[in-house]
Amino acid sequence: MSNRDRYQQLLTDHGLTQAQSAEVISKITLRPCSVRTVRAWLADSDKPSSRPCPDWAVSALLRGLAEIKLS
């Protein structure tokens, strides 16, 4: 499964919007993450705006979701 697919599955499984996921990643990494960036990660690979979803983004989202679950 690609990072794009994993990221999309996490959004679906946890009922998150792209904006919410960008906020979670920003809180975990302490770096900005925009909705536009998330959209580029999730765009079909044949689209000009598509960008590969990095490993760190999936890891940060997973870590953020775990922290949310614990609180």
N, C-alpha and C. Protein backbone atom coordinates (compact mmCIF):
# COMPACT_ATOMS: atom_id res chain seq x y z
N MET A 1 0.85 -1.17 0.00
CA MET A 1 0.00 0.00 0.00
C MET A 1 0.90 1.25 0.00
N SER A 2 0.59 2.17 -0.85
CA SER A 2 1.39 3.40 -0.96
C SER A 2 1.08 4.34 0.20
N ASN A 3 1.95 5.30 0.42
CA ASN A 3 1.70 6.31 1.45
C ASN A 3 0.42 7.08 1.18
N ARG A 4 0.16 7.35 -0.08
CA ARG A 4 -1.07 8.05 -0.47
C ARG A 4 -2.28 7.25 -0.02
N ASP A 5 -2.27 5.95 -0.29
CA ASP A 5 -3.38 5.09 0.10
C ASP A 5 -3.50 4.98 1.62
N ARG A 6 -2.36 4.87 2.29
CA ARG A 6 -2.38 4.78 3.76
C ARG A 6 -2.94 6.06 4.37
N TYR A 7 -2.52 7.21 3.84
CA TYR A 7 -2.98 8.50 4.35
C TYR A 7 -4.50 8.61 4.15
N GLN A 8 -4.96 8.29 2.96
CA GLN A 8 -6.39 8.37 2.66
C GLN A 8 -7.18 7.42 3.57
N GLN A 9 -6.64 6.24 3.82
CA GLN A 9 -7.31 5.27 4.69
C GLN A 9 -7.40 5.79 6.12
N LEU A 10 -6.35 6.44 6.59
CA LEU A 10 -6.38 7.03 7.93
C LEU A 10 -7.46 8.11 8.03
N LEU A 11 -7.57 8.93 7.01
CA LEU A 11 -8.61 9.96 7.00
C LEU A 11 -9.99 9.32 7.08
N THR A 12 -10.21 8.30 6.28
CA THR A 12 -11.50 7.61 6.25
C THR A 12 -11.79 6.92 7.57
N ASP A 13 -10.82 6.16 8.08
CA ASP A 13 -11.02 5.39 9.30
C ASP A 13 -11.31 6.27 10.51
N HIS A 14 -10.72 7.46 10.54
CA HIS A 14 -10.86 8.33 11.71
C HIS A 14 -11.80 9.50 11.47
N GLY A 15 -12.42 9.54 10.31
CA GLY A 15 -13.39 10.59 10.01
C GLY A 15 -12.80 11.99 10.01
N LEU A 16 -11.57 12.10 9.54
CA LEU A 16 -10.89 13.39 9.49
C LEU A 16 -11.02 14.04 8.13
N THR A 17 -11.06 15.35 8.15
CA THR A 17 -10.98 16.10 6.90
C THR A 17 -9.51 16.33 6.57
N GLN A 18 -9.25 16.77 5.37
CA GLN A 18 -7.88 17.10 4.99
C GLN A 18 -7.35 18.23 5.87
N ALA A 19 -8.19 19.19 6.17
CA ALA A 19 -7.78 20.32 7.01
C ALA A 19 -7.43 19.85 8.42
N GLN A 20 -8.23 18.96 8.98
CA GLN A 20 -7.95 18.44 10.31
C GLN A 20 -6.64 17.67 10.33
N SER A 21 -6.40 16.89 9.28
CA SER A 21 -5.16 16.12 9.24
C SER A 21 -3.95 17.05 9.13
N ALA A 22 -4.07 18.12 8.36
CA ALA A 22 -2.98 19.09 8.24
C ALA A 22 -2.69 19.72 9.60
N GLU A 23 -3.73 20.00 10.36
CA GLU A 23 -3.57 20.58 11.70
C GLU A 23 -2.87 19.59 12.64
N VAL A 24 -3.25 18.33 12.57
CA VAL A 24 -2.62 17.30 13.41
C VAL A 24 -1.13 17.21 13.07
N ILE A 25 -0.82 17.17 11.79
CA ILE A 25 0.59 17.07 11.37
C ILE A 25 1.37 18.29 11.83
N SER A 26 0.78 19.47 11.73
CA SER A 26 1.45 20.70 12.18
C SER A 26 1.75 20.65 13.67
N LYS A 27 0.81 20.15 14.45
CA LYS A 27 1.02 20.07 15.90
C LYS A 27 2.11 19.08 16.25
N ILE A 28 2.18 17.98 15.54
CA ILE A 28 3.17 16.95 15.84
C ILE A 28 4.57 17.38 15.38
N THR A 29 4.66 17.91 14.18
CA THR A 29 5.97 18.25 13.62
C THR A 29 6.46 19.64 14.02
N LEU A 30 5.55 20.45 14.53
CA LEU A 30 5.85 21.85 14.86
C LEU A 30 6.32 22.63 13.64
N ARG A 31 5.81 22.21 12.48
CA ARG A 31 6.10 22.89 11.21
C ARG A 31 4.78 23.06 10.48
N PRO A 32 4.68 24.08 9.65
CA PRO A 32 3.42 24.28 8.95
C PRO A 32 3.11 23.16 7.96
N CYS A 33 1.86 22.82 7.88
CA CYS A 33 1.37 21.85 6.88
C CYS A 33 0.03 22.38 6.42
N SER A 34 -0.06 22.74 5.16
CA SER A 34 -1.29 23.35 4.65
C SER A 34 -2.22 22.30 4.05
N VAL A 35 -3.47 22.69 3.94
CA VAL A 35 -4.46 21.83 3.29
C VAL A 35 -4.06 21.60 1.84
N ARG A 36 -3.50 22.61 1.22
CA ARG A 36 -3.06 22.49 -0.17
C ARG A 36 -1.99 21.40 -0.31
N THR A 37 -1.10 21.31 0.66
CA THR A 37 -0.07 20.26 0.65
C THR A 37 -0.71 18.89 0.75
N VAL A 38 -1.67 18.76 1.68
CA VAL A 38 -2.37 17.48 1.84
C VAL A 38 -3.10 17.10 0.55
N ARG A 39 -3.74 18.07 -0.06
CA ARG A 39 -4.44 17.80 -1.33
C ARG A 39 -3.47 17.30 -2.40
N ALA A 40 -2.28 17.88 -2.44
CA ALA A 40 -1.27 17.46 -3.42
C ALA A 40 -0.83 16.02 -3.14
N TRP A 41 -0.70 15.66 -1.86
CA TRP A 41 -0.33 14.29 -1.50
C TRP A 41 -1.40 13.29 -1.90
N LEU A 42 -2.67 13.71 -1.85
CA LEU A 42 -3.78 12.79 -2.11
C LEU A 42 -4.27 12.83 -3.56
N ALA A 43 -3.76 13.75 -4.35
CA ALA A 43 -4.20 13.88 -5.75
C ALA A 43 -3.74 12.66 -6.56
N ASP A 44 -4.54 12.33 -7.57
CA ASP A 44 -4.15 11.26 -8.49
C ASP A 44 -2.79 11.58 -9.09
N SER A 45 -1.99 10.56 -9.25
CA SER A 45 -0.61 10.76 -9.72
C SER A 45 -0.52 11.35 -11.12
N ASP A 46 -1.60 11.28 -11.89
CA ASP A 46 -1.57 11.86 -13.24
C ASP A 46 -1.89 13.35 -13.25
N LYS A 47 -2.23 13.91 -12.11
CA LYS A 47 -2.52 15.35 -12.01
C LYS A 47 -1.21 16.13 -11.86
N PRO A 48 -1.12 17.30 -12.49
CA PRO A 48 0.10 18.10 -12.39
C PRO A 48 0.40 18.55 -10.95
N SER A 49 -0.63 18.71 -10.13
CA SER A 49 -0.42 19.19 -8.76
C SER A 49 -0.06 18.06 -7.79
N SER A 50 -0.06 16.84 -8.26
CA SER A 50 0.23 15.69 -7.39
C SER A 50 1.67 15.71 -6.90
N ARG A 51 1.82 15.36 -5.63
CA ARG A 51 3.15 15.23 -5.01
C ARG A 51 3.15 13.93 -4.23
N PRO A 52 4.28 13.23 -4.17
CA PRO A 52 4.32 12.00 -3.39
C PRO A 52 4.11 12.29 -1.90
N CYS A 53 3.35 11.45 -1.27
CA CYS A 53 3.12 11.59 0.17
C CYS A 53 4.33 11.03 0.91
N PRO A 54 5.02 11.86 1.69
CA PRO A 54 6.24 11.40 2.35
C PRO A 54 5.96 10.49 3.55
N ASP A 55 6.94 9.65 3.85
CA ASP A 55 6.83 8.74 4.99
C ASP A 55 6.58 9.51 6.28
N TRP A 56 7.28 10.64 6.45
CA TRP A 56 7.16 11.39 7.70
C TRP A 56 5.75 11.91 7.91
N ALA A 57 5.02 12.19 6.84
CA ALA A 57 3.65 12.71 6.98
C ALA A 57 2.73 11.62 7.52
N VAL A 58 2.86 10.42 7.00
CA VAL A 58 2.05 9.30 7.49
C VAL A 58 2.40 9.02 8.94
N SER A 59 3.69 9.01 9.26
CA SER A 59 4.13 8.76 10.64
C SER A 59 3.61 9.83 11.59
N ALA A 60 3.69 11.08 11.18
CA ALA A 60 3.22 12.18 12.03
C ALA A 60 1.71 12.09 12.25
N LEU A 61 0.98 11.75 11.21
CA LEU A 61 -0.47 11.61 11.36
C LEU A 61 -0.81 10.45 12.29
N LEU A 62 -0.12 9.34 12.14
CA LEU A 62 -0.34 8.20 13.04
C LEU A 62 -0.03 8.58 14.49
N ARG A 63 1.07 9.27 14.70
CA ARG A 63 1.45 9.69 16.05
C ARG A 63 0.43 10.65 16.63
N GLY A 64 -0.03 11.57 15.82
CA GLY A 64 -1.04 12.53 16.28
C GLY A 64 -2.35 11.84 16.62
N LEU A 65 -2.75 10.89 15.82
CA LEU A 65 -3.99 10.16 16.09
C LEU A 65 -3.86 9.35 17.37
N ALA A 66 -2.70 8.78 17.63
CA ALA A 66 -2.47 8.03 18.86
C ALA A 66 -2.56 8.95 20.08
N GLU A 67 -2.00 10.15 19.96
CA GLU A 67 -2.05 11.11 21.07
C GLU A 67 -3.48 11.57 21.33
N ILE A 68 -4.24 11.77 20.28
CA ILE A 68 -5.64 12.18 20.42
C ILE A 68 -6.42 11.08 21.13
N LYS A 69 -6.15 9.85 20.75
CA LYS A 69 -6.84 8.71 21.34
C LYS A 69 -6.54 8.57 22.83
N LEU A 70 -5.30 8.88 23.23
CA LEU A 70 -4.89 8.75 24.61
C LEU A 70 -5.46 9.85 25.51
N SER A 71 -5.78 10.99 24.92
CA SER A 71 -6.27 12.09 25.76
C SER A 71 -7.76 12.04 26.00
